[in-house]
Amino acid sequence: MFSRKDTILGISLFLTLFFFGVLGKAQEIYDSREFKDYWYGGAAEITSYELQQARYGELHTGHAVLIFVTEDFSLSKQVKLDNPIRDKKDAVKVLKLNSIRKFNTGIYQYSMMNSIFTPLNIAADPYSLKETLSAQEWCGNWFMQLNLRDNKYLVRMNSYFET
């Protein structure tokens, strides 16, 4: 399961990189021909890593994958649009990050995924619109979703576990 510290750290790092580190030139970069040629070509950028994950007081080895891809996203429904041309007024281009971690504790396997949907036009939409986190392991699973609505994040969590 993601610890509160892991979740806060991940969100903070992503927001820092996107908003504070590049804010001054970000829109200029997003509007450049080089950016559009690279990111709007329909391909994803995938990077994989060896992972050391702390769980049950020990470090466990595994694999982590980061997948970045641009998508047309519904601002109202906060889902990937099936038909962005038809729903042009509701469409916003986002950079989606899927972060996947898989590791074995020696007892059972864990699979964790975090997805963040951040608009590319930060002048119009300066904050990530949605984030989902999920974890699956042999005992059960949990899912958390954050949605930006009316300038605040609404959080929903569902879990197999009582606490």
C-alpha atoms as a PDB file:
ATOM      1  CA  MET A   1       0.000   0.000   0.000  1.00  0.00           C
ATOM      2  CA  PHE A   2       1.168   3.569  -0.574  1.00  0.00           C
ATOM      3  CA  SER A   3       2.085   5.262   2.647  1.00  0.00           C
ATOM      4  CA  ARG A   4       0.808   8.763   3.236  1.00  0.00           C
ATOM      5  CA  LYS A   5       4.412   9.947   2.988  1.00  0.00           C
ATOM      6  CA  ASP A   6       4.883   8.208  -0.430  1.00  0.00           C
ATOM      7  CA  THR A   7       1.685   9.753  -1.760  1.00  0.00           C
ATOM      8  CA  ILE A   8       2.478  13.273  -0.536  1.00  0.00           C
ATOM      9  CA  LEU A   9       6.056  12.981  -1.794  1.00  0.00           C
ATOM     10  CA  GLY A  10       4.925  11.825  -5.242  1.00  0.00           C
ATOM     11  CA  ILE A  11       2.301  14.535  -5.594  1.00  0.00           C
ATOM     12  CA  SER A  12       4.700  17.208  -4.338  1.00  0.00           C
ATOM     13  CA  LEU A  13       7.485  16.144  -6.687  1.00  0.00           C
ATOM     14  CA  PHE A  14       5.208  16.070  -9.726  1.00  0.00           C
ATOM     15  CA  LEU A  15       3.635  19.442  -8.945  1.00  0.00           C
ATOM     16  CA  THR A  16       7.022  20.980  -8.207  1.00  0.00           C
ATOM     17  CA  LEU A  17       8.480  19.805 -11.512  1.00  0.00           C
ATOM     18  CA  PHE A  18       5.487  20.977 -13.509  1.00  0.00           C
ATOM     19  CA  PHE A  19       4.552  24.225 -11.862  1.00  0.00           C
ATOM     20  CA  PHE A  20       7.404  25.764  -9.925  1.00  0.00           C
ATOM     21  CA  GLY A  21      10.430  24.571 -11.880  1.00  0.00           C
ATOM     22  CA  VAL A  22       9.253  25.481 -15.401  1.00  0.00           C
ATOM     23  CA  LEU A  23       6.367  27.882 -14.894  1.00  0.00           C
ATOM     24  CA  GLY A  24       8.088  30.889 -16.474  1.00  0.00           C
ATOM     25  CA  LYS A  25       8.739  29.205 -19.820  1.00  0.00           C
ATOM     26  CA  ALA A  26       6.284  26.328 -19.646  1.00  0.00           C
ATOM     27  CA  GLN A  27       3.621  27.727 -21.958  1.00  0.00           C
ATOM     28  CA  GLU A  28       6.225  28.783 -24.500  1.00  0.00           C
ATOM     29  CA  ILE A  29       7.652  25.243 -24.445  1.00  0.00           C
ATOM     30  CA  TYR A  30       4.188  23.613 -24.746  1.00  0.00           C
ATOM     31  CA  ASP A  31       3.339  25.809 -27.718  1.00  0.00           C
ATOM     32  CA  SER A  32       6.601  25.091 -29.566  1.00  0.00           C
ATOM     33  CA  ARG A  33       6.677  23.019 -32.764  1.00  0.00           C
ATOM     34  CA  GLU A  34       9.306  20.674 -31.239  1.00  0.00           C
ATOM     35  CA  PHE A  35       7.074  19.878 -28.262  1.00  0.00           C
ATOM     36  CA  LYS A  36       4.010  19.256 -30.436  1.00  0.00           C
ATOM     37  CA  ASP A  37       5.956  17.076 -32.882  1.00  0.00           C
ATOM     38  CA  TYR A  38       7.312  14.960 -30.027  1.00  0.00           C
ATOM     39  CA  TRP A  39       4.286  14.697 -27.718  1.00  0.00           C
ATOM     40  CA  TYR A  40       1.332  14.822 -30.139  1.00  0.00           C
ATOM     41  CA  GLY A  41       2.618  12.054 -32.401  1.00  0.00           C
ATOM     42  CA  GLY A  42       0.534   9.376 -30.694  1.00  0.00           C
ATOM     43  CA  ALA A  43       3.457   7.645 -28.971  1.00  0.00           C
ATOM     44  CA  ALA A  44       4.301   7.367 -25.284  1.00  0.00           C
ATOM     45  CA  GLU A  45       7.579   7.827 -23.454  1.00  0.00           C
ATOM     46  CA  ILE A  46       8.333   4.770 -21.305  1.00  0.00           C
ATOM     47  CA  THR A  47      11.122   4.400 -18.752  1.00  0.00           C
ATOM     48  CA  SER A  48      11.701   1.400 -16.505  1.00  0.00           C
ATOM     49  CA  TYR A  49      13.715   1.131 -13.308  1.00  0.00           C
ATOM     50  CA  GLU A  50      14.857  -1.390 -10.775  1.00  0.00           C
ATOM     51  CA  LEU A  51      12.908  -0.758  -7.594  1.00  0.00           C
ATOM     52  CA  GLN A  52      13.678  -1.023  -3.895  1.00  0.00           C
ATOM     53  CA  GLN A  53      10.407  -0.720  -1.977  1.00  0.00           C
ATOM     54  CA  ALA A  54      10.111  -0.583   1.805  1.00  0.00           C
ATOM     55  CA  ARG A  55       7.354  -2.807   3.209  1.00  0.00           C
ATOM     56  CA  TYR A  56       7.031  -4.673   6.515  1.00  0.00           C
ATOM     57  CA  GLY A  57      10.232  -3.046   7.783  1.00  0.00           C
ATOM     58  CA  GLU A  58      12.374  -4.392   4.935  1.00  0.00           C
ATOM     59  CA  LEU A  59      13.479  -3.369   1.441  1.00  0.00           C
ATOM     60  CA  HIS A  60      12.114  -5.504  -1.387  1.00  0.00           C
ATOM     61  CA  THR A  61      13.298  -5.520  -4.986  1.00  0.00           C
ATOM     62  CA  GLY A  62      10.978  -5.050  -7.905  1.00  0.00           C
ATOM     63  CA  HIS A  63      10.339  -3.025 -11.047  1.00  0.00           C
ATOM     64  CA  ALA A  64       8.978   0.460 -11.651  1.00  0.00           C
ATOM     65  CA  VAL A  65       7.748   1.901 -14.941  1.00  0.00           C
ATOM     66  CA  LEU A  66       6.926   5.520 -15.796  1.00  0.00           C
ATOM     67  CA  ILE A  67       4.725   6.121 -18.842  1.00  0.00           C
ATOM     68  CA  PHE A  68       4.142   9.648 -20.138  1.00  0.00           C
ATOM     69  CA  VAL A  69       1.618  10.294 -22.922  1.00  0.00           C
ATOM     70  CA  THR A  70      -0.585  13.174 -24.068  1.00  0.00           C
ATOM     71  CA  GLU A  71      -4.325  12.634 -24.298  1.00  0.00           C
ATOM     72  CA  ASP A  72      -7.532  14.516 -24.964  1.00  0.00           C
ATOM     73  CA  PHE A  73      -9.325  14.710 -21.635  1.00  0.00           C
ATOM     74  CA  SER A  74     -12.871  15.717 -20.678  1.00  0.00           C
ATOM     75  CA  LEU A  75     -12.781  18.725 -18.381  1.00  0.00           C
ATOM     76  CA  SER A  76     -16.330  18.040 -17.132  1.00  0.00           C
ATOM     77  CA  LYS A  77     -16.263  14.229 -16.839  1.00  0.00           C
ATOM     78  CA  GLN A  78     -12.531  13.970 -16.090  1.00  0.00           C
ATOM     79  CA  VAL A  79     -11.994  10.920 -18.314  1.00  0.00           C
ATOM     80  CA  LYS A  80     -10.181  10.311 -21.607  1.00  0.00           C
ATOM     81  CA  LEU A  81     -12.385  11.528 -24.446  1.00  0.00           C
ATOM     82  CA  ASP A  82     -13.561   8.984 -27.011  1.00  0.00           C
ATOM     83  CA  ASN A  83     -14.270  11.674 -29.592  1.00  0.00           C
ATOM     84  CA  PRO A  84     -12.345  14.920 -28.937  1.00  0.00           C
ATOM     85  CA  ILE A  85     -13.481  16.471 -32.234  1.00  0.00           C
ATOM     86  CA  ARG A  86     -17.168  16.036 -31.324  1.00  0.00           C
ATOM     87  CA  ASP A  87     -16.565  17.190 -27.728  1.00  0.00           C
ATOM     88  CA  LYS A  88     -14.153  20.009 -28.638  1.00  0.00           C
ATOM     89  CA  LYS A  89     -15.581  22.490 -26.109  1.00  0.00           C
ATOM     90  CA  ASP A  90     -15.022  20.002 -23.262  1.00  0.00           C
ATOM     91  CA  ALA A  91     -11.594  18.804 -24.428  1.00  0.00           C
ATOM     92  CA  VAL A  92      -8.343  19.702 -22.742  1.00  0.00           C
ATOM     93  CA  LYS A  93      -4.930  18.314 -23.703  1.00  0.00           C
ATOM     94  CA  VAL A  94      -3.217  16.658 -20.746  1.00  0.00           C
ATOM     95  CA  LEU A  95       0.100  15.010 -20.094  1.00  0.00           C
ATOM     96  CA  LYS A  96      -0.702  11.760 -18.318  1.00  0.00           C
ATOM     97  CA  LEU A  97       1.810  10.050 -16.073  1.00  0.00           C
ATOM     98  CA  ASN A  98       1.236   6.395 -15.196  1.00  0.00           C
ATOM     99  CA  SER A  99       3.642   5.247 -12.495  1.00  0.00           C
ATOM    100  CA  ILE A 100       3.638   1.491 -11.880  1.00  0.00           C
ATOM    101  CA  ARG A 101       5.479  -0.377  -9.119  1.00  0.00           C
ATOM    102  CA  LYS A 102       5.565  -4.179  -8.751  1.00  0.00           C
ATOM    103  CA  PHE A 103       7.456  -6.061  -6.059  1.00  0.00           C
ATOM    104  CA  ASN A 104       7.336  -9.250  -4.013  1.00  0.00           C
ATOM    105  CA  THR A 105       7.579  -9.167  -0.222  1.00  0.00           C
ATOM    106  CA  GLY A 106       8.481 -12.843  -0.004  1.00  0.00           C
ATOM    107  CA  ILE A 107       4.964 -13.415   1.283  1.00  0.00           C
ATOM    108  CA  TYR A 108       2.994 -12.110  -1.682  1.00  0.00           C
ATOM    109  CA  GLN A 109       3.150  -9.746  -4.624  1.00  0.00           C
ATOM    110  CA  TYR A 110       2.215  -6.079  -4.688  1.00  0.00           C
ATOM    111  CA  SER A 111       1.145  -4.025  -7.689  1.00  0.00           C
ATOM    112  CA  MET A 112       0.709  -0.260  -7.307  1.00  0.00           C
ATOM    113  CA  MET A 113      -0.309   2.333  -9.862  1.00  0.00           C
ATOM    114  CA  ASN A 114      -0.550   6.113  -9.755  1.00  0.00           C
ATOM    115  CA  SER A 115      -1.976   8.196 -12.650  1.00  0.00           C
ATOM    116  CA  ILE A 116      -1.810  11.986 -12.826  1.00  0.00           C
ATOM    117  CA  PHE A 117      -3.568  14.082 -15.497  1.00  0.00           C
ATOM    118  CA  THR A 118      -2.024  17.542 -15.889  1.00  0.00           C
ATOM    119  CA  PRO A 119      -3.221  20.078 -18.488  1.00  0.00           C
ATOM    120  CA  LEU A 120      -0.640  21.282 -20.997  1.00  0.00           C
ATOM    121  CA  ASN A 121      -2.167  24.763 -21.176  1.00  0.00           C
ATOM    122  CA  ILE A 122      -1.182  25.880 -17.695  1.00  0.00           C
ATOM    123  CA  ALA A 123      -2.348  29.422 -18.366  1.00  0.00           C
ATOM    124  CA  ALA A 124      -5.954  28.167 -18.627  1.00  0.00           C
ATOM    125  CA  ASP A 125      -5.711  25.154 -16.277  1.00  0.00           C
ATOM    126  CA  PRO A 126      -2.740  25.546 -13.887  1.00  0.00           C
ATOM    127  CA  TYR A 127      -3.332  22.466 -11.693  1.00  0.00           C
ATOM    128  CA  SER A 128      -3.521  18.724 -12.217  1.00  0.00           C
ATOM    129  CA  LEU A 129      -7.155  17.803 -12.867  1.00  0.00           C
ATOM    130  CA  LYS A 130      -7.171  14.250 -11.581  1.00  0.00           C
ATOM    131  CA  GLU A 131      -5.048  11.715  -9.762  1.00  0.00           C
ATOM    132  CA  THR A 132      -5.763   8.059  -9.118  1.00  0.00           C
ATOM    133  CA  LEU A 133      -3.863   5.640  -6.912  1.00  0.00           C
ATOM    134  CA  SER A 134      -4.441   1.924  -6.545  1.00  0.00           C
ATOM    135  CA  ALA A 135      -2.780  -1.039  -4.876  1.00  0.00           C
ATOM    136  CA  GLN A 136      -3.465  -4.715  -5.292  1.00  0.00           C
ATOM    137  CA  GLU A 137      -2.034  -7.557  -3.230  1.00  0.00           C
ATOM    138  CA  TRP A 138      -3.139 -11.028  -2.238  1.00  0.00           C
ATOM    139  CA  CYS A 139      -5.264  -9.884   0.701  1.00  0.00           C
ATOM    140  CA  GLY A 140      -7.219  -7.233  -1.172  1.00  0.00           C
ATOM    141  CA  ASN A 141      -7.002  -3.865  -2.871  1.00  0.00           C
ATOM    142  CA  TRP A 142      -7.711  -0.184  -2.439  1.00  0.00           C
ATOM    143  CA  PHE A 143      -8.338   2.755  -4.756  1.00  0.00           C
ATOM    144  CA  MET A 144      -8.148   6.517  -4.206  1.00  0.00           C
ATOM    145  CA  GLN A 145      -9.121   9.281  -6.611  1.00  0.00           C
ATOM    146  CA  LEU A 146      -8.638  13.045  -6.409  1.00  0.00           C
ATOM    147  CA  ASN A 147     -10.626  15.310  -8.754  1.00  0.00           C
ATOM    148  CA  LEU A 148     -10.174  19.069  -9.067  1.00  0.00           C
ATOM    149  CA  ARG A 149     -13.617  20.677  -8.852  1.00  0.00           C
ATOM    150  CA  ASP A 150     -14.287  24.357  -8.108  1.00  0.00           C
ATOM    151  CA  ASN A 151     -10.623  25.006  -7.202  1.00  0.00           C
ATOM    152  CA  LYS A 152     -10.429  22.229  -4.600  1.00  0.00           C
ATOM    153  CA  TYR A 153      -9.671  18.539  -4.681  1.00  0.00           C
ATOM    154  CA  LEU A 154     -12.434  16.081  -3.895  1.00  0.00           C
ATOM    155  CA  VAL A 155     -11.078  12.794  -2.554  1.00  0.00           C
ATOM    156  CA  ARG A 156     -12.734   9.403  -2.691  1.00  0.00           C
ATOM    157  CA  MET A 157     -11.259   6.197  -1.335  1.00  0.00           C
ATOM    158  CA  ASN A 158     -12.515   2.614  -1.578  1.00  0.00           C
ATOM    159  CA  SER A 159     -10.804  -0.287   0.128  1.00  0.00           C
ATOM    160  CA  TYR A 160     -11.038  -3.943   0.968  1.00  0.00           C
ATOM    161  CA  PHE A 161      -9.491  -3.077   4.341  1.00  0.00           C
ATOM    162  CA  GLU A 162     -11.367  -1.647   7.316  1.00  0.00           C
ATOM    163  CA  THR A 163      -8.636   0.850   8.232  1.00  0.00           C
END
